[in-house]
Amino acid sequence: MAKIIIDENVCVGCGLCVNSCPECFELSDEGIAKVKGDECNTCDIKEVANQCPVNAIKVED
């Protein structure tokens, strides 16, 4: 199982990860991305991480 890590100091809260994979990501009340789950049946988590414009998402195998 992959482990998703979000660097909250880097995240700008653009919401791209949430739009790409709402099964795994959500925005906190502060507007920062949070991990909902490390497994996804609908998207490629590594691809979502690669789309992050500030590289705040890391995926560890």
C-alpha atoms as a PDB file:
ATOM      1  CA  MET A   1       0.000   0.000   0.000  1.00  0.00           C
ATOM      2  CA  ALA A   2       1.277   3.449  -0.899  1.00  0.00           C
ATOM      3  CA  LYS A   3       1.567   6.185   1.704  1.00  0.00           C
ATOM      4  CA  ILE A   4       0.524   9.692   0.701  1.00  0.00           C
ATOM      5  CA  ILE A   5       2.286  12.598   2.389  1.00  0.00           C
ATOM      6  CA  ILE A   6       1.265  16.239   1.952  1.00  0.00           C
ATOM      7  CA  ASP A   7       3.706  18.963   2.930  1.00  0.00           C
ATOM      8  CA  GLU A   8       1.293  21.425   4.533  1.00  0.00           C
ATOM      9  CA  ASN A   9       3.949  24.147   4.482  1.00  0.00           C
ATOM     10  CA  VAL A  10       4.108  23.937   0.681  1.00  0.00           C
ATOM     11  CA  CYS A  11       0.439  23.312  -0.209  1.00  0.00           C
ATOM     12  CA  VAL A  12      -1.301  26.387  -1.617  1.00  0.00           C
ATOM     13  CA  GLY A  13      -4.795  24.896  -1.472  1.00  0.00           C
ATOM     14  CA  CYS A  14      -5.487  25.005  -5.198  1.00  0.00           C
ATOM     15  CA  GLY A  15      -7.743  21.931  -4.897  1.00  0.00           C
ATOM     16  CA  LEU A  16      -6.416  20.152  -7.981  1.00  0.00           C
ATOM     17  CA  CYS A  17      -5.813  16.962  -5.976  1.00  0.00           C
ATOM     18  CA  VAL A  18      -9.346  17.077  -4.551  1.00  0.00           C
ATOM     19  CA  ASN A  19     -10.825  17.572  -8.013  1.00  0.00           C
ATOM     20  CA  SER A  20      -8.689  14.753  -9.422  1.00  0.00           C
ATOM     21  CA  CYS A  21      -9.301  12.291  -6.585  1.00  0.00           C
ATOM     22  CA  PRO A  22     -11.940  13.190  -3.978  1.00  0.00           C
ATOM     23  CA  GLU A  23     -11.696   9.609  -2.711  1.00  0.00           C
ATOM     24  CA  CYS A  24      -8.190  10.309  -1.326  1.00  0.00           C
ATOM     25  CA  PHE A  25      -7.996  14.071  -0.798  1.00  0.00           C
ATOM     26  CA  GLU A  26     -10.002  16.839   0.839  1.00  0.00           C
ATOM     27  CA  LEU A  27      -9.386  20.469   1.756  1.00  0.00           C
ATOM     28  CA  SER A  28      -9.239  21.353   5.446  1.00  0.00           C
ATOM     29  CA  ASP A  29     -11.039  24.337   6.939  1.00  0.00           C
ATOM     30  CA  GLU A  30      -7.747  26.205   6.511  1.00  0.00           C
ATOM     31  CA  GLY A  31      -7.769  25.448   2.770  1.00  0.00           C
ATOM     32  CA  ILE A  32      -4.883  22.960   2.895  1.00  0.00           C
ATOM     33  CA  ALA A  33      -5.062  19.516   1.279  1.00  0.00           C
ATOM     34  CA  LYS A  34      -5.491  16.555   3.623  1.00  0.00           C
ATOM     35  CA  VAL A  35      -5.285  12.822   2.959  1.00  0.00           C
ATOM     36  CA  LYS A  36      -8.578  10.951   3.347  1.00  0.00           C
ATOM     37  CA  GLY A  37      -7.236   7.530   2.359  1.00  0.00           C
ATOM     38  CA  ASP A  38      -4.057   5.939   1.047  1.00  0.00           C
ATOM     39  CA  GLU A  39      -5.822   3.640  -1.421  1.00  0.00           C
ATOM     40  CA  CYS A  40      -7.856   4.632  -4.427  1.00  0.00           C
ATOM     41  CA  ASN A  41      -9.964   2.606  -6.808  1.00  0.00           C
ATOM     42  CA  THR A  42     -10.643   5.437  -9.249  1.00  0.00           C
ATOM     43  CA  CYS A  43      -7.343   7.229  -9.945  1.00  0.00           C
ATOM     44  CA  ASP A  44      -3.574   6.883 -10.136  1.00  0.00           C
ATOM     45  CA  ILE A  45      -2.351   8.551  -6.940  1.00  0.00           C
ATOM     46  CA  LYS A  46       1.153   9.039  -8.327  1.00  0.00           C
ATOM     47  CA  GLU A  47      -0.275  10.861 -11.327  1.00  0.00           C
ATOM     48  CA  VAL A  48      -2.318  13.114  -9.046  1.00  0.00           C
ATOM     49  CA  ALA A  49       0.848  13.851  -7.033  1.00  0.00           C
ATOM     50  CA  ASN A  50       2.732  14.688 -10.237  1.00  0.00           C
ATOM     51  CA  GLN A  51       0.024  17.213 -11.165  1.00  0.00           C
ATOM     52  CA  CYS A  52       0.453  19.212  -7.945  1.00  0.00           C
ATOM     53  CA  PRO A  53       1.724  22.626  -9.082  1.00  0.00           C
ATOM     54  CA  VAL A  54       3.913  23.103  -5.981  1.00  0.00           C
ATOM     55  CA  ASN A  55       4.994  19.447  -5.516  1.00  0.00           C
ATOM     56  CA  ALA A  56       3.387  19.271  -2.062  1.00  0.00           C
ATOM     57  CA  ILE A  57       2.263  15.640  -2.497  1.00  0.00           C
ATOM     58  CA  LYS A  58       4.651  12.727  -2.124  1.00  0.00           C
ATOM     59  CA  VAL A  59       3.762   9.067  -2.577  1.00  0.00           C
ATOM     60  CA  GLU A  60       5.902   6.443  -0.838  1.00  0.00           C
ATOM     61  CA  ASP A  61       5.625   2.779  -1.786  1.00  0.00           C
END
